[in-house]
């Protein structure tokens, strides 16, 4: 039988839409897409990819901490953007967030999706 744990930020829309921010199944953590919202659920950083990325990674850190993990446990990460001009900035900034971890940056994939809401 699988050992399954979930994590949520405690925001109303998680229950309303049946969303879990993360699942841990038999010791492997799967994290859903994180957004640039604060702990009250208010979106921050409109028009500023660095603020959005920082907040999104802070949300990621909370999910990881909920399972007793840190960014050093990440093997692969995907970034989805709606603005292709932000691809370089998001990639550089995201990689800089690993500068304090004494190990290689995880596999990082950036995807630009023009149909995302911007």
C-alpha atoms as a PDB file:
ATOM      1  CA  UNK A   1       0.000   0.000   0.000  1.00  0.00           C
ATOM      2  CA  UNK A   2       1.294   3.452  -0.914  1.00  0.00           C
ATOM      3  CA  UNK A   3       2.222   5.931   1.795  1.00  0.00           C
ATOM      4  CA  UNK A   4       0.755   9.261   0.601  1.00  0.00           C
ATOM      5  CA  UNK A   5       1.004  12.701   2.241  1.00  0.00           C
ATOM      6  CA  UNK A   6      -0.225  16.028   0.862  1.00  0.00           C
ATOM      7  CA  UNK A   7       0.618  19.685   1.491  1.00  0.00           C
ATOM      8  CA  UNK A   8      -1.443  22.841   0.929  1.00  0.00           C
ATOM      9  CA  UNK A   9      -0.755  26.525   1.611  1.00  0.00           C
ATOM     10  CA  UNK A  10      -4.104  26.810   3.419  1.00  0.00           C
ATOM     11  CA  UNK A  11      -5.744  29.030   0.802  1.00  0.00           C
ATOM     12  CA  UNK A  12      -9.517  28.844   0.202  1.00  0.00           C
ATOM     13  CA  UNK A  13      -9.198  28.154  -3.533  1.00  0.00           C
ATOM     14  CA  UNK A  14      -7.197  24.985  -2.870  1.00  0.00           C
ATOM     15  CA  UNK A  15     -10.204  23.259  -1.297  1.00  0.00           C
ATOM     16  CA  UNK A  16     -12.671  24.910  -3.698  1.00  0.00           C
ATOM     17  CA  UNK A  17     -10.850  23.409  -6.692  1.00  0.00           C
ATOM     18  CA  UNK A  18      -9.549  20.223  -5.082  1.00  0.00           C
ATOM     19  CA  UNK A  19      -5.918  21.289  -5.483  1.00  0.00           C
ATOM     20  CA  UNK A  20      -2.995  19.923  -3.486  1.00  0.00           C
ATOM     21  CA  UNK A  21       0.257  21.871  -3.749  1.00  0.00           C
ATOM     22  CA  UNK A  22       2.308  18.753  -3.253  1.00  0.00           C
ATOM     23  CA  UNK A  23       2.123  15.002  -2.837  1.00  0.00           C
ATOM     24  CA  UNK A  24       4.675  12.718  -1.259  1.00  0.00           C
ATOM     25  CA  UNK A  25       4.183   9.149  -2.443  1.00  0.00           C
ATOM     26  CA  UNK A  26       6.460   6.557  -0.864  1.00  0.00           C
ATOM     27  CA  UNK A  27       9.149   9.209  -0.282  1.00  0.00           C
ATOM     28  CA  UNK A  28       9.024  10.845  -3.736  1.00  0.00           C
ATOM     29  CA  UNK A  29       7.695  14.413  -3.755  1.00  0.00           C
ATOM     30  CA  UNK A  30       5.571  15.748  -6.629  1.00  0.00           C
ATOM     31  CA  UNK A  31       4.854  19.488  -6.544  1.00  0.00           C
ATOM     32  CA  UNK A  32       2.164  21.220  -8.552  1.00  0.00           C
ATOM     33  CA  UNK A  33       2.761  24.494 -10.346  1.00  0.00           C
ATOM     34  CA  UNK A  34       3.490  27.357  -7.989  1.00  0.00           C
ATOM     35  CA  UNK A  35       2.411  30.957  -8.608  1.00  0.00           C
ATOM     36  CA  UNK A  36       3.478  34.395  -7.423  1.00  0.00           C
ATOM     37  CA  UNK A  37       0.910  34.735  -4.644  1.00  0.00           C
ATOM     38  CA  UNK A  38       1.594  35.685  -1.050  1.00  0.00           C
ATOM     39  CA  UNK A  39       0.442  33.673   1.965  1.00  0.00           C
ATOM     40  CA  UNK A  40      -2.988  35.361   1.803  1.00  0.00           C
ATOM     41  CA  UNK A  41      -3.405  34.296  -1.837  1.00  0.00           C
ATOM     42  CA  UNK A  42      -2.923  37.779  -3.341  1.00  0.00           C
ATOM     43  CA  UNK A  43      -0.894  37.743  -6.555  1.00  0.00           C
ATOM     44  CA  UNK A  44       2.229  39.938  -6.414  1.00  0.00           C
ATOM     45  CA  UNK A  45       4.757  41.355  -8.861  1.00  0.00           C
ATOM     46  CA  UNK A  46       2.579  42.233 -11.828  1.00  0.00           C
ATOM     47  CA  UNK A  47       4.935  43.187 -14.654  1.00  0.00           C
ATOM     48  CA  UNK A  48       8.072  42.303 -12.634  1.00  0.00           C
ATOM     49  CA  UNK A  49       9.430  38.834 -13.435  1.00  0.00           C
ATOM     50  CA  UNK A  50      12.018  38.996 -10.637  1.00  0.00           C
ATOM     51  CA  UNK A  51       9.382  39.688  -7.949  1.00  0.00           C
ATOM     52  CA  UNK A  52       7.132  36.993  -9.416  1.00  0.00           C
ATOM     53  CA  UNK A  53       9.964  34.466  -9.544  1.00  0.00           C
ATOM     54  CA  UNK A  54      11.134  35.242  -6.004  1.00  0.00           C
ATOM     55  CA  UNK A  55       7.598  34.814  -4.613  1.00  0.00           C
ATOM     56  CA  UNK A  56       7.032  31.622  -6.594  1.00  0.00           C
ATOM     57  CA  UNK A  57      10.264  30.130  -5.258  1.00  0.00           C
ATOM     58  CA  UNK A  58       9.299  31.146  -1.699  1.00  0.00           C
ATOM     59  CA  UNK A  59       6.040  29.237  -2.215  1.00  0.00           C
ATOM     60  CA  UNK A  60       8.047  26.290  -3.507  1.00  0.00           C
ATOM     61  CA  UNK A  61      10.210  26.437  -0.374  1.00  0.00           C
ATOM     62  CA  UNK A  62       7.074  26.245   1.819  1.00  0.00           C
ATOM     63  CA  UNK A  63       5.844  23.152  -0.017  1.00  0.00           C
ATOM     64  CA  UNK A  64       9.249  21.489   0.265  1.00  0.00           C
ATOM     65  CA  UNK A  65       9.466  22.358   3.971  1.00  0.00           C
ATOM     66  CA  UNK A  66       6.045  20.784   4.463  1.00  0.00           C
ATOM     67  CA  UNK A  67       7.674  17.485   3.497  1.00  0.00           C
ATOM     68  CA  UNK A  68      10.932  18.124   5.361  1.00  0.00           C
ATOM     69  CA  UNK A  69      12.827  18.882   2.141  1.00  0.00           C
ATOM     70  CA  UNK A  70      14.736  21.855   0.669  1.00  0.00           C
ATOM     71  CA  UNK A  71      15.757  23.029  -2.794  1.00  0.00           C
ATOM     72  CA  UNK A  72      18.836  20.837  -2.477  1.00  0.00           C
ATOM     73  CA  UNK A  73      16.503  17.844  -2.910  1.00  0.00           C
ATOM     74  CA  UNK A  74      15.194  19.014  -6.293  1.00  0.00           C
ATOM     75  CA  UNK A  75      16.336  16.992  -9.299  1.00  0.00           C
ATOM     76  CA  UNK A  76      14.295  18.717 -12.019  1.00  0.00           C
ATOM     77  CA  UNK A  77      12.319  21.943 -12.314  1.00  0.00           C
ATOM     78  CA  UNK A  78      10.231  23.499 -15.092  1.00  0.00           C
ATOM     79  CA  UNK A  79       9.456  27.194 -15.502  1.00  0.00           C
ATOM     80  CA  UNK A  80       6.464  28.261 -17.572  1.00  0.00           C
ATOM     81  CA  UNK A  81       6.347  31.822 -18.921  1.00  0.00           C
ATOM     82  CA  UNK A  82       3.822  33.764 -20.985  1.00  0.00           C
ATOM     83  CA  UNK A  83       6.308  36.397 -22.203  1.00  0.00           C
ATOM     84  CA  UNK A  84       9.246  35.121 -24.291  1.00  0.00           C
ATOM     85  CA  UNK A  85      11.240  38.299 -23.501  1.00  0.00           C
ATOM     86  CA  UNK A  86      11.432  37.172 -19.853  1.00  0.00           C
ATOM     87  CA  UNK A  87      12.975  33.772 -20.628  1.00  0.00           C
ATOM     88  CA  UNK A  88      16.578  34.835 -20.008  1.00  0.00           C
ATOM     89  CA  UNK A  89      15.749  36.863 -16.884  1.00  0.00           C
ATOM     90  CA  UNK A  90      13.711  34.069 -15.317  1.00  0.00           C
ATOM     91  CA  UNK A  91      16.358  31.459 -16.046  1.00  0.00           C
ATOM     92  CA  UNK A  92      19.257  33.560 -14.722  1.00  0.00           C
ATOM     93  CA  UNK A  93      17.354  34.618 -11.607  1.00  0.00           C
ATOM     94  CA  UNK A  94      16.112  31.095 -10.877  1.00  0.00           C
ATOM     95  CA  UNK A  95      19.631  29.689 -11.155  1.00  0.00           C
ATOM     96  CA  UNK A  96      20.943  32.426  -8.844  1.00  0.00           C
ATOM     97  CA  UNK A  97      18.503  31.217  -6.171  1.00  0.00           C
ATOM     98  CA  UNK A  98      20.609  28.031  -5.902  1.00  0.00           C
ATOM     99  CA  UNK A  99      23.873  29.943  -5.291  1.00  0.00           C
ATOM    100  CA  UNK A 100      23.818  29.206  -1.545  1.00  0.00           C
ATOM    101  CA  UNK A 101      23.342  25.467  -2.005  1.00  0.00           C
ATOM    102  CA  UNK A 102      26.593  23.535  -2.189  1.00  0.00           C
ATOM    103  CA  UNK A 103      25.621  21.309  -5.113  1.00  0.00           C
ATOM    104  CA  UNK A 104      24.860  21.614  -8.825  1.00  0.00           C
ATOM    105  CA  UNK A 105      21.715  23.382  -9.987  1.00  0.00           C
ATOM    106  CA  UNK A 106      18.950  20.905 -10.850  1.00  0.00           C
ATOM    107  CA  UNK A 107      17.903  20.258 -14.416  1.00  0.00           C
ATOM    108  CA  UNK A 108      16.042  23.424 -15.404  1.00  0.00           C
ATOM    109  CA  UNK A 109      13.606  23.621 -18.318  1.00  0.00           C
ATOM    110  CA  UNK A 110      12.018  26.941 -19.348  1.00  0.00           C
ATOM    111  CA  UNK A 111       8.940  26.868 -21.556  1.00  0.00           C
ATOM    112  CA  UNK A 112       7.165  29.821 -23.131  1.00  0.00           C
ATOM    113  CA  UNK A 113       3.448  29.276 -23.549  1.00  0.00           C
ATOM    114  CA  UNK A 114       1.731  32.080 -25.454  1.00  0.00           C
ATOM    115  CA  UNK A 115      -1.689  30.932 -24.344  1.00  0.00           C
ATOM    116  CA  UNK A 116      -0.964  31.481 -20.633  1.00  0.00           C
ATOM    117  CA  UNK A 117      -2.773  34.378 -19.044  1.00  0.00           C
ATOM    118  CA  UNK A 118      -0.342  37.260 -18.697  1.00  0.00           C
END
